[in-house]
Amino acid sequence: MPMIHSLLSKIPDDLPYEQLISKAGDMYLQFPPDKLAREAKLFYTKSSTISNYKKLEKDTENQRPDNVLRQRRKQQGSNEVQVQKDAHPLVKMSVWALTAALSGAVFVVYNVATDWGSWF
């Protein structure tokens, strides 16, 4: 309430109320609120970053390293795309075995460390 009183007390005494009301009525008829809302929504969709997302997505797609390499190969005249073949099964098994052994070692070290921690 004090805020409203403060606001109303700052309004000048010689304000042309009738002229303001008539201009507001004319502007209401000239620019209906629903028309303004449609124009604002249209402006928002055209200028929004959401509408530019597809362009941004396409631009970033062209900057991925694999796409850049493909473009360079095409420029050099080589249409062959080198595809890495699956690794040999023996290599896969040895990597798996090393991973399992290392995981087991980490588990043992952790258990020993927790046992030592209880002594202190």
N, C-alpha and C. Protein backbone atom coordinates (compact mmCIF):
# COMPACT_ATOMS: atom_id res chain seq x y z
N MET A 1 0.81 -1.19 0.00
CA MET A 1 0.00 0.00 0.00
C MET A 1 0.86 1.26 0.00
N PRO A 2 1.92 1.34 0.83
CA PRO A 2 2.75 2.55 0.79
C PRO A 2 3.41 2.74 -0.57
N MET A 3 3.69 1.64 -1.27
CA MET A 3 4.32 1.74 -2.57
C MET A 3 3.37 2.39 -3.58
N ILE A 4 2.11 2.02 -3.53
CA ILE A 4 1.11 2.61 -4.43
C ILE A 4 0.94 4.10 -4.12
N HIS A 5 0.89 4.42 -2.84
CA HIS A 5 0.77 5.83 -2.45
C HIS A 5 1.96 6.64 -2.95
N SER A 6 3.15 6.05 -2.83
CA SER A 6 4.36 6.74 -3.31
C SER A 6 4.29 6.96 -4.82
N LEU A 7 3.84 5.96 -5.54
CA LEU A 7 3.73 6.07 -6.99
C LEU A 7 2.69 7.12 -7.39
N LEU A 8 1.54 7.07 -6.76
CA LEU A 8 0.48 8.02 -7.11
C LEU A 8 0.83 9.45 -6.71
N SER A 9 1.60 9.62 -5.66
CA SER A 9 1.97 10.98 -5.24
C SER A 9 2.99 11.62 -6.19
N LYS A 10 3.65 10.81 -7.01
CA LYS A 10 4.64 11.34 -7.96
C LYS A 10 4.02 11.72 -9.31
N ILE A 11 2.74 11.40 -9.53
CA ILE A 11 2.07 11.76 -10.78
C ILE A 11 1.83 13.27 -10.78
N PRO A 12 2.19 13.95 -11.85
CA PRO A 12 1.97 15.40 -11.87
C PRO A 12 0.49 15.76 -11.90
N ASP A 13 0.17 16.92 -11.35
CA ASP A 13 -1.23 17.37 -11.27
C ASP A 13 -1.80 17.75 -12.64
N ASP A 14 -0.95 18.25 -13.52
CA ASP A 14 -1.44 18.75 -14.81
C ASP A 14 -1.34 17.69 -15.92
N LEU A 15 -1.42 16.43 -15.56
CA LEU A 15 -1.34 15.34 -16.54
C LEU A 15 -2.64 15.30 -17.35
N PRO A 16 -2.54 15.24 -18.69
CA PRO A 16 -3.75 15.24 -19.54
C PRO A 16 -4.39 13.84 -19.59
N TYR A 17 -5.20 13.53 -18.59
CA TYR A 17 -5.80 12.20 -18.46
C TYR A 17 -6.69 11.85 -19.65
N GLU A 18 -7.53 12.77 -20.06
CA GLU A 18 -8.46 12.50 -21.16
C GLU A 18 -7.72 12.21 -22.45
N GLN A 19 -6.66 12.96 -22.71
CA GLN A 19 -5.88 12.75 -23.93
C GLN A 19 -5.17 11.39 -23.87
N LEU A 20 -4.63 11.02 -22.71
CA LEU A 20 -3.97 9.71 -22.56
C LEU A 20 -4.95 8.56 -22.76
N ILE A 21 -6.15 8.71 -22.20
CA ILE A 21 -7.16 7.65 -22.32
C ILE A 21 -7.61 7.51 -23.77
N SER A 22 -7.81 8.62 -24.47
CA SER A 22 -8.25 8.53 -25.86
C SER A 22 -7.15 7.93 -26.75
N LYS A 23 -5.88 8.32 -26.50
CA LYS A 23 -4.78 7.73 -27.28
C LYS A 23 -4.65 6.24 -27.00
N ALA A 24 -4.83 5.85 -25.73
CA ALA A 24 -4.75 4.43 -25.39
C ALA A 24 -5.86 3.65 -26.09
N GLY A 25 -7.08 4.22 -26.14
CA GLY A 25 -8.19 3.56 -26.84
C GLY A 25 -7.93 3.44 -28.32
N ASP A 26 -7.37 4.50 -28.93
CA ASP A 26 -7.04 4.44 -30.35
C ASP A 26 -5.97 3.39 -30.65
N MET A 27 -4.98 3.35 -29.79
CA MET A 27 -3.91 2.36 -29.99
C MET A 27 -4.43 0.94 -29.78
N TYR A 28 -5.39 0.77 -28.87
CA TYR A 28 -6.00 -0.55 -28.64
C TYR A 28 -6.72 -1.02 -29.89
N LEU A 29 -7.40 -0.09 -30.56
CA LEU A 29 -8.10 -0.46 -31.80
C LEU A 29 -7.12 -0.66 -32.96
N GLN A 30 -6.08 0.16 -32.99
CA GLN A 30 -5.11 0.07 -34.08
C GLN A 30 -4.22 -1.17 -33.94
N PHE A 31 -3.84 -1.51 -32.73
CA PHE A 31 -2.97 -2.66 -32.47
C PHE A 31 -3.65 -3.58 -31.45
N PRO A 32 -4.55 -4.45 -31.89
CA PRO A 32 -5.24 -5.35 -30.96
C PRO A 32 -4.23 -6.28 -30.25
N PRO A 33 -4.49 -6.62 -29.00
CA PRO A 33 -3.56 -7.45 -28.24
C PRO A 33 -3.29 -8.81 -28.87
N ASP A 34 -4.30 -9.44 -29.47
CA ASP A 34 -4.08 -10.75 -30.09
C ASP A 34 -3.15 -10.64 -31.30
N LYS A 35 -3.27 -9.55 -32.05
CA LYS A 35 -2.38 -9.34 -33.20
C LYS A 35 -0.95 -9.10 -32.71
N LEU A 36 -0.81 -8.31 -31.66
CA LEU A 36 0.52 -8.08 -31.11
C LEU A 36 1.14 -9.37 -30.58
N ALA A 37 0.31 -10.21 -29.95
CA ALA A 37 0.80 -11.48 -29.43
C ALA A 37 1.29 -12.38 -30.57
N ARG A 38 0.52 -12.43 -31.67
CA ARG A 38 0.95 -13.25 -32.81
C ARG A 38 2.27 -12.75 -33.40
N GLU A 39 2.37 -11.43 -33.55
CA GLU A 39 3.60 -10.85 -34.10
C GLU A 39 4.79 -11.09 -33.18
N ALA A 40 4.56 -11.00 -31.87
CA ALA A 40 5.64 -11.25 -30.93
C ALA A 40 6.09 -12.70 -30.99
N LYS A 41 5.13 -13.62 -31.10
CA LYS A 41 5.47 -15.04 -31.19
C LYS A 41 6.23 -15.33 -32.47
N LEU A 42 5.81 -14.75 -33.57
CA LEU A 42 6.49 -14.93 -34.84
C LEU A 42 7.92 -14.38 -34.78
N PHE A 43 8.07 -13.20 -34.20
CA PHE A 43 9.39 -12.61 -34.05
C PHE A 43 10.29 -13.49 -33.19
N TYR A 44 9.73 -14.04 -32.12
CA TYR A 44 10.50 -14.90 -31.22
C TYR A 44 10.97 -16.16 -31.93
N THR A 45 10.08 -16.80 -32.69
CA THR A 45 10.47 -18.04 -33.36
C THR A 45 11.51 -17.79 -34.45
N LYS A 46 11.45 -16.62 -35.10
CA LYS A 46 12.43 -16.33 -36.14
C LYS A 46 13.79 -15.96 -35.56
N SER A 47 13.79 -15.30 -34.42
CA SER A 47 15.05 -14.82 -33.87
C SER A 47 15.60 -15.71 -32.77
N SER A 48 14.89 -16.73 -32.42
CA SER A 48 15.30 -17.57 -31.31
C SER A 48 16.46 -18.46 -31.71
N THR A 49 17.28 -18.80 -30.75
CA THR A 49 18.38 -19.73 -31.01
C THR A 49 17.87 -21.13 -31.28
N ILE A 50 16.65 -21.41 -30.85
CA ILE A 50 16.08 -22.72 -31.12
C ILE A 50 15.89 -22.92 -32.61
N SER A 51 15.50 -21.86 -33.31
CA SER A 51 15.32 -22.00 -34.76
C SER A 51 16.66 -22.14 -35.47
N ASN A 52 17.73 -21.70 -34.85
CA ASN A 52 19.06 -21.83 -35.44
C ASN A 52 19.76 -23.11 -35.03
N TYR A 53 19.10 -23.95 -34.24
CA TYR A 53 19.74 -25.17 -33.74
C TYR A 53 20.10 -26.13 -34.86
N LYS A 54 19.23 -26.30 -35.83
CA LYS A 54 19.51 -27.23 -36.93
C LYS A 54 20.76 -26.80 -37.71
N LYS A 55 20.88 -25.49 -37.95
CA LYS A 55 22.05 -24.98 -38.65
C LYS A 55 23.31 -25.22 -37.82
N LEU A 56 23.22 -24.97 -36.53
CA LEU A 56 24.36 -25.20 -35.64
C LEU A 56 24.74 -26.67 -35.61
N GLU A 57 23.73 -27.54 -35.55
CA GLU A 57 23.98 -28.98 -35.54
C GLU A 57 24.68 -29.42 -36.83
N LYS A 58 24.25 -28.88 -37.96
CA LYS A 58 24.87 -29.24 -39.24
C LYS A 58 26.30 -28.72 -39.30
N ASP A 59 26.52 -27.49 -38.82
CA ASP A 59 27.87 -26.93 -38.83
C ASP A 59 28.83 -27.74 -37.96
N THR A 60 28.37 -28.14 -36.78
CA THR A 60 29.24 -28.93 -35.90
C THR A 60 29.45 -30.33 -36.46
N GLU A 61 28.48 -30.86 -37.17
CA GLU A 61 28.64 -32.18 -37.81
C GLU A 61 29.78 -32.13 -38.83
N ASN A 62 29.87 -31.04 -39.55
CA ASN A 62 30.93 -30.92 -40.55
C ASN A 62 32.30 -30.69 -39.93
N GLN A 63 32.37 -30.36 -38.66
CA GLN A 63 33.64 -30.11 -38.01
C GLN A 63 34.17 -31.31 -37.24
N ARG A 64 33.40 -32.40 -37.21
CA ARG A 64 33.88 -33.60 -36.51
C ARG A 64 35.12 -34.12 -37.22
N PRO A 65 36.09 -34.66 -36.45
CA PRO A 65 37.35 -35.12 -37.06
C PRO A 65 37.17 -36.14 -38.17
N ASP A 66 36.23 -37.08 -38.02
CA ASP A 66 36.05 -38.08 -39.07
C ASP A 66 35.52 -37.45 -40.36
N ASN A 67 34.64 -36.46 -40.24
CA ASN A 67 34.13 -35.79 -41.43
C ASN A 67 35.22 -34.94 -42.09
N VAL A 68 36.05 -34.31 -41.28
CA VAL A 68 37.15 -33.51 -41.83
C VAL A 68 38.11 -34.40 -42.59
N LEU A 69 38.43 -35.57 -42.03
CA LEU A 69 39.34 -36.50 -42.72
C LEU A 69 38.73 -37.00 -44.03
N ARG A 70 37.43 -37.29 -44.03
CA ARG A 70 36.78 -37.73 -45.26
C ARG A 70 36.85 -36.65 -46.34
N GLN A 71 36.61 -35.40 -45.93
CA GLN A 71 36.66 -34.30 -46.88
C GLN A 71 38.07 -34.13 -47.43
N ARG A 72 39.07 -34.27 -46.60
CA ARG A 72 40.46 -34.14 -47.07
C ARG A 72 40.82 -35.26 -48.04
N ARG A 73 40.35 -36.47 -47.74
CA ARG A 73 40.63 -37.59 -48.65
C ARG A 73 39.97 -37.37 -50.01
N LYS A 74 38.76 -36.81 -49.99
CA LYS A 74 38.08 -36.53 -51.26
C LYS A 74 38.81 -35.46 -52.04
N GLN A 75 39.34 -34.46 -51.35
CA GLN A 75 40.08 -33.40 -52.02
C GLN A 75 41.38 -33.91 -52.61
N GLN A 76 41.97 -34.92 -51.99
CA GLN A 76 43.21 -35.48 -52.50
C GLN A 76 42.96 -36.46 -53.63
N GLY A 77 41.72 -36.79 -53.88
CA GLY A 77 41.39 -37.66 -54.99
C GLY A 77 41.25 -39.11 -54.59
N SER A 78 41.41 -39.41 -53.33
CA SER A 78 41.29 -40.78 -52.87
C SER A 78 39.88 -41.00 -52.34
N ASN A 79 39.15 -41.87 -53.00
CA ASN A 79 37.79 -42.15 -52.56
C ASN A 79 37.73 -43.33 -51.61
N GLU A 80 38.88 -43.96 -51.36
CA GLU A 80 38.90 -45.11 -50.47
C GLU A 80 38.82 -44.65 -49.02
N VAL A 81 37.94 -45.27 -48.30
CA VAL A 81 37.82 -45.00 -46.88
C VAL A 81 38.39 -46.20 -46.14
N GLN A 82 39.40 -45.96 -45.35
CA GLN A 82 40.04 -47.06 -44.63
C GLN A 82 39.22 -47.38 -43.40
N VAL A 83 38.81 -48.63 -43.31
CA VAL A 83 38.02 -49.08 -42.18
C VAL A 83 38.88 -50.01 -41.36
N GLN A 84 38.95 -49.73 -40.06
CA GLN A 84 39.77 -50.58 -39.20
C GLN A 84 39.04 -51.90 -38.99
N LYS A 85 39.75 -52.98 -39.23
CA LYS A 85 39.15 -54.29 -39.06
C LYS A 85 39.21 -54.67 -37.59
N ASP A 86 38.38 -55.63 -37.22
CA ASP A 86 38.38 -56.10 -35.83
C ASP A 86 39.74 -56.67 -35.47
N ALA A 87 40.10 -56.48 -34.22
CA ALA A 87 41.39 -56.99 -33.74
C ALA A 87 41.36 -58.52 -33.72
N HIS A 88 42.53 -59.10 -33.71
CA HIS A 88 42.67 -60.55 -33.67
C HIS A 88 42.10 -61.06 -32.35
N PRO A 89 41.42 -62.20 -32.35
CA PRO A 89 40.83 -62.72 -31.11
C PRO A 89 41.85 -62.94 -30.00
N LEU A 90 43.08 -63.29 -30.36
CA LEU A 90 44.11 -63.51 -29.35
C LEU A 90 44.46 -62.20 -28.64
N VAL A 91 44.47 -61.09 -29.40
CA VAL A 91 44.74 -59.79 -28.80
C VAL A 91 43.61 -59.41 -27.84
N LYS A 92 42.39 -59.67 -28.26
CA LYS A 92 41.25 -59.37 -27.40
C LYS A 92 41.33 -60.17 -26.10
N MET A 93 41.66 -61.45 -26.20
CA MET A 93 41.73 -62.29 -25.02
C MET A 93 42.85 -61.85 -24.09
N SER A 94 43.99 -61.46 -24.65
CA SER A 94 45.11 -61.03 -23.80
C SER A 94 44.78 -59.71 -23.09
N VAL A 95 44.10 -58.80 -23.77
CA VAL A 95 43.69 -57.56 -23.12
C VAL A 95 42.70 -57.85 -22.00
N TRP A 96 41.78 -58.75 -22.25
CA TRP A 96 40.81 -59.12 -21.23
C TRP A 96 41.51 -59.75 -20.03
N ALA A 97 42.48 -60.63 -20.27
CA ALA A 97 43.21 -61.30 -19.18
C ALA A 97 44.01 -60.29 -18.36
N LEU A 98 44.67 -59.35 -19.03
CA LEU A 98 45.42 -58.32 -18.31
C LEU A 98 44.49 -57.45 -17.47
N THR A 99 43.35 -57.13 -18.00
CA THR A 99 42.38 -56.33 -17.25
C THR A 99 41.89 -57.08 -16.02
N ALA A 100 41.60 -58.35 -16.18
CA ALA A 100 41.13 -59.16 -15.05
C ALA A 100 42.22 -59.30 -13.99
N ALA A 101 43.47 -59.53 -14.42
CA ALA A 101 44.57 -59.68 -13.47
C ALA A 101 44.81 -58.37 -12.71
N LEU A 102 44.77 -57.27 -13.42
CA LEU A 102 44.97 -55.97 -12.77
C LEU A 102 43.84 -55.66 -11.80
N SER A 103 42.62 -56.00 -12.18
CA SER A 103 41.48 -55.78 -11.28
C SER A 103 41.62 -56.63 -10.03
N GLY A 104 42.06 -57.87 -10.18
CA GLY A 104 42.29 -58.74 -9.02
C GLY A 104 43.37 -58.19 -8.11
N ALA A 105 44.45 -57.67 -8.69
CA ALA A 105 45.53 -57.10 -7.89
C ALA A 105 45.05 -55.87 -7.12
N VAL A 106 44.26 -55.05 -7.76
CA VAL A 106 43.72 -53.86 -7.08
C VAL A 106 42.82 -54.29 -5.94
N PHE A 107 42.02 -55.31 -6.13
CA PHE A 107 41.14 -55.81 -5.08
C PHE A 107 41.94 -56.32 -3.89
N VAL A 108 43.02 -57.07 -4.14
CA VAL A 108 43.86 -57.59 -3.06
C VAL A 108 44.53 -56.45 -2.31
N VAL A 109 45.08 -55.49 -3.01
CA VAL A 109 45.74 -54.35 -2.36
C VAL A 109 44.74 -53.58 -1.51
N TYR A 110 43.55 -53.40 -2.00
CA TYR A 110 42.51 -52.68 -1.24
C TYR A 110 42.18 -53.42 0.05
N ASN A 111 41.99 -54.75 -0.04
CA ASN A 111 41.66 -55.53 1.15
C ASN A 111 42.79 -55.50 2.17
N VAL A 112 44.03 -55.59 1.70
CA VAL A 112 45.18 -55.53 2.62
C VAL A 112 45.25 -54.16 3.28
N ALA A 113 45.01 -53.13 2.52
CA ALA A 113 45.06 -51.77 3.07
C ALA A 113 43.97 -51.57 4.11
N THR A 114 42.78 -52.09 3.87
CA THR A 114 41.72 -51.94 4.88
C THR A 114 42.02 -52.76 6.13
N ASP A 115 42.68 -53.93 5.97
CA ASP A 115 43.08 -54.72 7.14
C ASP A 115 44.13 -53.97 7.95
N TRP A 116 45.11 -53.38 7.30
CA TRP A 116 46.15 -52.61 8.00
C TRP A 116 45.54 -51.38 8.67
N GLY A 117 44.56 -50.79 8.06
CA GLY A 117 43.93 -49.59 8.62
C GLY A 117 43.24 -49.89 9.94
N SER A 118 42.75 -51.11 10.12
CA SER A 118 42.08 -51.45 11.37
C SER A 118 43.09 -51.65 12.52
N TRP A 119 44.36 -51.92 12.21
CA TRP A 119 45.38 -52.10 13.27
C TRP A 119 45.78 -50.77 13.88
N PHE A 120 45.63 -49.70 13.14
CA PHE A 120 46.07 -48.40 13.66
C PHE A 120 44.92 -47.77 14.33
